[in-house]
Structures are given as C-alpha cells and as structure tokens.
Amino acid sequence: MRTAPLLLVATAGFAAVLFGLLATTDLRGWPPSSSGPAGAMLKATPEGSGDFRLTDCLPGTVEPHAVPRGEEAVGTATLSVIACRSTSSVLFASVLYWAVAVGALAILPSLAPVRPRRGSSQ
C-alpha cells in the first residue's frame, strides 16, 4: 500500500482540524481596567478558568470585542470581552493529531489484504 495518498488524506484532515480550532475560542476574559502592555493579565470569564495574558493567545485569533455570553454578564450595559484561541491548545491538538496519524499510517499497511503475485503458481 502506498503511503503518499494516505499522507495527503492525513494532511487534509489536519488542515480541517486546524481550521476548526482557529474558528473557535477557548480563552475569554475581561480586559484590564486600564490600558497597559500587551502582556496584561485578563480576568477569565468562564467559571473555574484561570486568568490569562494576551501573550497566551495565538497571534491572529484575538477578538478584542467579543459579545459576552449569558453567564458572563447580566444587564443592558455595552460590554465586551477579549476572546482568543490559546497557543498551547493548538500545539497540543497538533501534536496529538500527528501522533495518531503517524500511528495509523504505520499500522494501515500491515492491515492491507495480502494479494498473490502474478505469475506465481500454487
């Protein structure tokens, strides 16, 4: 079994996983009360989540004016939260994906049915 087509499928799958990760956010927090350096600490909005810094966000995924969810704010004031995708979650998901993909690519050829060679007599 040739691995080039399987590698293409694995790469396309990785692109789909990466697109899905980048289309969503996993860090949400209230901006600091005063503007400060880019590494300012943000108060996490989800219950039980730890506070984070903007430098923990994957560049290009920061949404500085995300609409608060129902559990994050009560009232009619105009509020915004900062939402982004954490760099660590993208790295973890990427390493996990490729570990599984390489494992599958190593196992699949051994699972292919054995075909008799042409010209051999039995």
N, C-alpha and C. Protein backbone atom coordinates (compact mmCIF):
# COMPACT_ATOMS: atom_id res chain seq x y z
N MET A 1 0.85 -1.18 0.00
CA MET A 1 0.00 0.00 0.00
C MET A 1 0.89 1.24 0.00
N ARG A 2 0.60 2.14 -0.88
CA ARG A 2 1.41 3.34 -0.98
C ARG A 2 0.97 4.34 0.08
N THR A 3 1.94 5.00 0.70
CA THR A 3 1.62 5.92 1.80
C THR A 3 1.38 7.34 1.34
N ALA A 4 1.73 7.69 0.10
CA ALA A 4 1.54 9.07 -0.37
C ALA A 4 0.06 9.49 -0.33
N PRO A 5 -0.88 8.68 -0.83
CA PRO A 5 -2.28 9.09 -0.72
C PRO A 5 -2.76 9.19 0.73
N LEU A 6 -2.27 8.29 1.57
CA LEU A 6 -2.66 8.34 2.98
C LEU A 6 -2.11 9.59 3.65
N LEU A 7 -0.90 9.96 3.29
CA LEU A 7 -0.31 11.18 3.84
C LEU A 7 -1.07 12.42 3.38
N LEU A 8 -1.54 12.41 2.15
CA LEU A 8 -2.37 13.52 1.66
C LEU A 8 -3.69 13.61 2.44
N VAL A 9 -4.29 12.48 2.70
CA VAL A 9 -5.54 12.46 3.48
C VAL A 9 -5.27 12.95 4.90
N ALA A 10 -4.17 12.51 5.49
CA ALA A 10 -3.83 12.95 6.85
C ALA A 10 -3.57 14.46 6.89
N THR A 11 -2.91 14.98 5.87
CA THR A 11 -2.65 16.42 5.82
C THR A 11 -3.94 17.20 5.64
N ALA A 12 -4.84 16.71 4.80
CA ALA A 12 -6.13 17.37 4.63
C ALA A 12 -6.93 17.32 5.93
N GLY A 13 -6.86 16.22 6.63
CA GLY A 13 -7.54 16.10 7.92
C GLY A 13 -6.96 17.08 8.94
N PHE A 14 -5.65 17.24 8.92
CA PHE A 14 -5.01 18.19 9.83
C PHE A 14 -5.45 19.61 9.51
N ALA A 15 -5.54 19.93 8.23
CA ALA A 15 -6.00 21.26 7.83
C ALA A 15 -7.42 21.51 8.34
N ALA A 16 -8.28 20.50 8.25
CA ALA A 16 -9.66 20.63 8.75
C ALA A 16 -9.69 20.82 10.26
N VAL A 17 -8.87 20.05 10.97
CA VAL A 17 -8.81 20.19 12.43
C VAL A 17 -8.29 21.57 12.81
N LEU A 18 -7.25 22.02 12.14
CA LEU A 18 -6.68 23.34 12.42
C LEU A 18 -7.68 24.45 12.12
N PHE A 19 -8.40 24.33 11.02
CA PHE A 19 -9.43 25.32 10.68
C PHE A 19 -10.50 25.36 11.77
N GLY A 20 -10.92 24.19 12.24
CA GLY A 20 -11.92 24.14 13.31
C GLY A 20 -11.42 24.76 14.60
N LEU A 21 -10.16 24.51 14.94
CA LEU A 21 -9.59 25.10 16.14
C LEU A 21 -9.52 26.62 16.05
N LEU A 22 -9.09 27.11 14.89
CA LEU A 22 -8.92 28.55 14.73
C LEU A 22 -10.25 29.28 14.59
N ALA A 23 -11.31 28.56 14.27
CA ALA A 23 -12.63 29.18 14.13
C ALA A 23 -13.33 29.35 15.48
N THR A 24 -12.77 28.76 16.53
CA THR A 24 -13.38 28.85 17.85
C THR A 24 -12.39 29.46 18.84
N THR A 25 -12.91 29.87 19.97
CA THR A 25 -12.04 30.42 21.02
C THR A 25 -12.12 29.54 22.25
N ASP A 26 -11.06 29.51 23.03
CA ASP A 26 -11.08 28.77 24.28
C ASP A 26 -10.68 29.63 25.48
N LEU A 27 -10.21 30.84 25.22
CA LEU A 27 -9.90 31.77 26.30
C LEU A 27 -10.83 32.97 26.17
N ARG A 28 -11.45 33.35 27.25
CA ARG A 28 -12.34 34.52 27.27
C ARG A 28 -12.06 35.26 28.56
N GLY A 29 -11.90 36.58 28.46
CA GLY A 29 -11.62 37.33 29.68
C GLY A 29 -11.99 38.79 29.58
N TRP A 30 -12.17 39.40 30.74
CA TRP A 30 -12.46 40.83 30.82
C TRP A 30 -11.17 41.59 30.63
N PRO A 31 -11.21 42.65 29.83
CA PRO A 31 -10.00 43.45 29.64
C PRO A 31 -9.63 44.17 30.94
N PRO A 32 -8.36 44.49 31.11
CA PRO A 32 -7.96 45.23 32.31
C PRO A 32 -8.60 46.62 32.30
N SER A 33 -8.79 47.18 33.49
CA SER A 33 -9.47 48.48 33.59
C SER A 33 -8.65 49.61 32.97
N SER A 34 -7.36 49.46 32.93
CA SER A 34 -6.53 50.50 32.30
C SER A 34 -5.72 49.87 31.19
N SER A 35 -5.51 50.63 30.14
CA SER A 35 -4.72 50.07 29.04
C SER A 35 -3.27 49.97 29.49
N GLY A 36 -2.69 48.86 29.20
CA GLY A 36 -1.32 48.62 29.63
C GLY A 36 -0.58 47.85 28.57
N PRO A 37 0.47 47.17 28.96
CA PRO A 37 1.26 46.41 27.99
C PRO A 37 0.46 45.22 27.44
N ALA A 38 0.91 44.69 26.32
CA ALA A 38 0.22 43.58 25.66
C ALA A 38 0.16 42.35 26.54
N GLY A 39 1.04 42.26 27.51
CA GLY A 39 1.06 41.09 28.39
C GLY A 39 0.18 41.26 29.61
N ALA A 40 -0.72 42.25 29.61
CA ALA A 40 -1.56 42.49 30.77
C ALA A 40 -2.41 41.27 31.10
N MET A 41 -2.66 41.05 32.38
CA MET A 41 -3.45 39.92 32.83
C MET A 41 -4.93 40.20 32.57
N LEU A 42 -5.62 39.20 32.01
CA LEU A 42 -7.05 39.30 31.75
C LEU A 42 -7.79 38.40 32.73
N LYS A 43 -8.85 38.90 33.30
CA LYS A 43 -9.66 38.13 34.24
C LYS A 43 -10.54 37.19 33.44
N ALA A 44 -10.36 35.90 33.62
CA ALA A 44 -11.12 34.90 32.85
C ALA A 44 -12.60 34.99 33.20
N THR A 45 -13.45 34.90 32.17
CA THR A 45 -14.89 34.97 32.40
C THR A 45 -15.52 33.62 32.72
N PRO A 46 -15.07 32.49 32.13
CA PRO A 46 -15.70 31.22 32.48
C PRO A 46 -15.42 30.83 33.93
N GLU A 47 -16.42 30.30 34.58
CA GLU A 47 -16.29 29.87 35.98
C GLU A 47 -15.21 28.80 36.10
N GLY A 48 -14.29 28.99 37.01
CA GLY A 48 -13.25 28.00 37.27
C GLY A 48 -12.05 28.08 36.35
N SER A 49 -12.06 28.98 35.38
CA SER A 49 -10.91 29.12 34.48
C SER A 49 -9.89 30.07 35.09
N GLY A 50 -8.65 29.86 34.74
CA GLY A 50 -7.58 30.72 35.25
C GLY A 50 -7.44 31.98 34.42
N ASP A 51 -6.97 33.04 35.06
CA ASP A 51 -6.69 34.27 34.35
C ASP A 51 -5.57 34.01 33.34
N PHE A 52 -5.49 34.84 32.32
CA PHE A 52 -4.50 34.62 31.27
C PHE A 52 -3.99 35.95 30.74
N ARG A 53 -2.96 35.89 29.95
CA ARG A 53 -2.37 37.07 29.32
C ARG A 53 -2.63 37.03 27.82
N LEU A 54 -2.61 38.20 27.20
CA LEU A 54 -2.78 38.24 25.75
C LEU A 54 -1.66 37.48 25.04
N THR A 55 -0.50 37.41 25.67
CA THR A 55 0.62 36.69 25.07
C THR A 55 0.37 35.18 25.07
N ASP A 56 -0.64 34.69 25.82
CA ASP A 56 -1.01 33.28 25.79
C ASP A 56 -1.87 32.95 24.57
N CYS A 57 -2.34 33.97 23.88
CA CYS A 57 -3.22 33.79 22.72
C CYS A 57 -2.40 33.58 21.46
N LEU A 58 -2.92 32.76 20.58
CA LEU A 58 -2.29 32.54 19.28
C LEU A 58 -2.45 33.81 18.46
N PRO A 59 -1.36 34.36 17.94
CA PRO A 59 -1.49 35.59 17.15
C PRO A 59 -2.47 35.42 15.99
N GLY A 60 -3.30 36.42 15.79
CA GLY A 60 -4.28 36.39 14.72
C GLY A 60 -5.64 35.85 15.15
N THR A 61 -5.73 35.34 16.38
CA THR A 61 -7.01 34.79 16.84
C THR A 61 -7.69 35.67 17.88
N VAL A 62 -7.07 36.78 18.23
CA VAL A 62 -7.62 37.64 19.28
C VAL A 62 -8.82 38.42 18.75
N GLU A 63 -9.92 38.29 19.44
CA GLU A 63 -11.14 39.03 19.13
C GLU A 63 -11.36 40.00 20.30
N PRO A 64 -10.97 41.27 20.14
CA PRO A 64 -10.99 42.19 21.29
C PRO A 64 -12.38 42.66 21.72
N HIS A 65 -13.38 42.49 20.89
CA HIS A 65 -14.71 42.98 21.23
C HIS A 65 -15.76 41.88 21.08
N ALA A 66 -15.51 40.73 21.70
CA ALA A 66 -16.47 39.64 21.64
C ALA A 66 -17.67 39.97 22.52
N VAL A 67 -18.83 39.50 22.11
CA VAL A 67 -20.06 39.73 22.88
C VAL A 67 -20.08 38.78 24.06
N PRO A 68 -20.35 39.29 25.25
CA PRO A 68 -20.40 38.40 26.43
C PRO A 68 -21.52 37.37 26.29
N ARG A 69 -21.29 36.20 26.82
CA ARG A 69 -22.31 35.15 26.86
C ARG A 69 -23.23 35.41 28.05
N GLY A 70 -24.35 34.74 28.07
CA GLY A 70 -25.33 34.95 29.13
C GLY A 70 -24.79 34.79 30.53
N GLU A 71 -23.92 33.81 30.74
CA GLU A 71 -23.38 33.57 32.08
C GLU A 71 -22.26 34.54 32.45
N GLU A 72 -21.77 35.31 31.48
CA GLU A 72 -20.66 36.22 31.74
C GLU A 72 -21.11 37.61 32.18
N ALA A 73 -22.28 38.04 31.76
CA ALA A 73 -22.72 39.40 32.08
C ALA A 73 -24.23 39.43 32.24
N VAL A 74 -24.67 40.29 33.15
CA VAL A 74 -26.09 40.48 33.38
C VAL A 74 -26.36 41.97 33.27
N GLY A 75 -27.41 42.33 32.57
CA GLY A 75 -27.76 43.75 32.44
C GLY A 75 -27.76 44.18 31.00
N THR A 76 -27.91 45.48 30.80
CA THR A 76 -28.03 46.01 29.44
C THR A 76 -26.85 46.88 29.05
N ALA A 77 -25.83 46.95 29.86
CA ALA A 77 -24.67 47.79 29.53
C ALA A 77 -23.94 47.22 28.32
N THR A 78 -23.26 48.07 27.59
CA THR A 78 -22.46 47.63 26.46
C THR A 78 -21.11 47.14 27.01
N LEU A 79 -20.92 45.86 26.93
CA LEU A 79 -19.70 45.24 27.44
C LEU A 79 -19.05 44.44 26.33
N SER A 80 -17.78 44.22 26.46
CA SER A 80 -17.10 43.32 25.53
C SER A 80 -16.07 42.54 26.30
N VAL A 81 -15.81 41.36 25.82
CA VAL A 81 -14.77 40.53 26.40
C VAL A 81 -13.72 40.28 25.31
N ILE A 82 -12.56 39.90 25.75
CA ILE A 82 -11.50 39.54 24.81
C ILE A 82 -11.51 38.02 24.70
N ALA A 83 -11.63 37.51 23.50
CA ALA A 83 -11.67 36.07 23.26
C ALA A 83 -10.55 35.70 22.29
N CYS A 84 -9.98 34.53 22.47
CA CYS A 84 -8.92 34.07 21.57
C CYS A 84 -8.75 32.57 21.69
N ARG A 85 -7.90 32.02 20.86
CA ARG A 85 -7.53 30.61 20.90
C ARG A 85 -6.14 30.56 21.54
N SER A 86 -6.00 29.71 22.55
CA SER A 86 -4.71 29.63 23.24
C SER A 86 -3.68 28.89 22.38
N THR A 87 -2.47 29.37 22.44
CA THR A 87 -1.38 28.75 21.69
C THR A 87 -1.17 27.32 22.16
N SER A 88 -1.25 27.10 23.46
CA SER A 88 -0.99 25.76 23.99
C SER A 88 -2.03 24.75 23.51
N SER A 89 -3.28 25.15 23.36
CA SER A 89 -4.30 24.20 22.90
C SER A 89 -4.07 23.80 21.45
N VAL A 90 -3.64 24.75 20.62
CA VAL A 90 -3.36 24.45 19.21
C VAL A 90 -2.14 23.53 19.11
N LEU A 91 -1.10 23.81 19.90
CA LEU A 91 0.09 22.95 19.87
C LEU A 91 -0.24 21.54 20.36
N PHE A 92 -1.00 21.43 21.44
CA PHE A 92 -1.36 20.12 21.98
C PHE A 92 -2.19 19.33 20.97
N ALA A 93 -3.19 19.98 20.39
CA ALA A 93 -4.05 19.29 19.41
C ALA A 93 -3.25 18.88 18.18
N SER A 94 -2.30 19.70 17.75
CA SER A 94 -1.48 19.38 16.58
C SER A 94 -0.59 18.17 16.85
N VAL A 95 0.07 18.17 17.99
CA VAL A 95 0.94 17.04 18.33
C VAL A 95 0.12 15.76 18.48
N LEU A 96 -1.02 15.85 19.14
CA LEU A 96 -1.89 14.69 19.31
C LEU A 96 -2.38 14.16 17.96
N TYR A 97 -2.81 15.06 17.08
CA TYR A 97 -3.30 14.65 15.76
C TYR A 97 -2.21 13.90 14.99
N TRP A 98 -1.01 14.49 14.94
CA TRP A 98 0.04 13.86 14.15
C TRP A 98 0.55 12.57 14.79
N ALA A 99 0.49 12.46 16.11
CA ALA A 99 0.87 11.19 16.76
C ALA A 99 -0.10 10.09 16.34
N VAL A 100 -1.39 10.40 16.35
CA VAL A 100 -2.40 9.42 15.93
C VAL A 100 -2.26 9.13 14.44
N ALA A 101 -2.06 10.16 13.63
CA ALA A 101 -1.94 9.97 12.18
C ALA A 101 -0.73 9.11 11.82
N VAL A 102 0.40 9.38 12.45
CA VAL A 102 1.61 8.59 12.16
C VAL A 102 1.41 7.15 12.62
N GLY A 103 0.76 6.99 13.78
CA GLY A 103 0.46 5.63 14.24
C GLY A 103 -0.44 4.89 13.26
N ALA A 104 -1.46 5.59 12.77
CA ALA A 104 -2.37 4.97 11.80
C ALA A 104 -1.65 4.66 10.49
N LEU A 105 -0.79 5.56 10.05
CA LEU A 105 -0.04 5.33 8.81
C LEU A 105 0.92 4.15 8.96
N ALA A 106 1.39 3.92 10.16
CA ALA A 106 2.30 2.80 10.39
C ALA A 106 1.54 1.47 10.44
N ILE A 107 0.30 1.51 10.93
CA ILE A 107 -0.48 0.29 11.10
C ILE A 107 -1.24 -0.10 9.84
N LEU A 108 -1.78 0.87 9.11
CA LEU A 108 -2.62 0.58 7.95
C LEU A 108 -1.98 -0.33 6.91
N PRO A 109 -0.73 -0.12 6.53
CA PRO A 109 -0.15 -1.03 5.52
C PRO A 109 -0.12 -2.49 5.97
N SER A 110 0.03 -2.73 7.24
CA SER A 110 0.08 -4.12 7.71
C SER A 110 -1.32 -4.74 7.74
N LEU A 111 -2.37 -3.93 7.70
CA LEU A 111 -3.74 -4.43 7.70
C LEU A 111 -4.27 -4.67 6.29
N ALA A 112 -3.56 -4.21 5.29
CA ALA A 112 -4.00 -4.38 3.91
C ALA A 112 -4.01 -5.87 3.56
N PRO A 113 -5.01 -6.30 2.78
CA PRO A 113 -5.06 -7.72 2.41
C PRO A 113 -3.85 -8.10 1.54
N VAL A 114 -3.36 -9.28 1.77
CA VAL A 114 -2.21 -9.77 1.01
C VAL A 114 -2.72 -10.30 -0.31
N ARG A 115 -2.18 -9.79 -1.40
CA ARG A 115 -2.59 -10.22 -2.74
C ARG A 115 -1.53 -11.15 -3.30
N PRO A 116 -1.98 -12.21 -3.92
CA PRO A 116 -0.99 -13.11 -4.53
C PRO A 116 -0.32 -12.41 -5.72
N ARG A 117 0.93 -12.67 -5.88
CA ARG A 117 1.67 -12.07 -7.00
C ARG A 117 1.31 -12.77 -8.29
N ARG A 118 1.29 -12.00 -9.37
CA ARG A 118 1.01 -12.58 -10.68
C ARG A 118 2.16 -13.47 -11.13
N GLY A 119 1.81 -14.50 -11.78
CA GLY A 119 2.83 -15.37 -12.35
C GLY A 119 3.31 -16.43 -11.38
N SER A 120 2.87 -16.36 -10.14
CA SER A 120 3.32 -17.42 -9.20
C SER A 120 2.33 -18.57 -9.26
N SER A 121 2.84 -19.75 -9.31
CA SER A 121 1.97 -20.93 -9.37
C SER A 121 1.83 -21.52 -7.97
N GLN A 122 0.64 -22.03 -7.72
CA GLN A 122 0.41 -22.61 -6.40
C GLN A 122 0.06 -24.04 -6.50
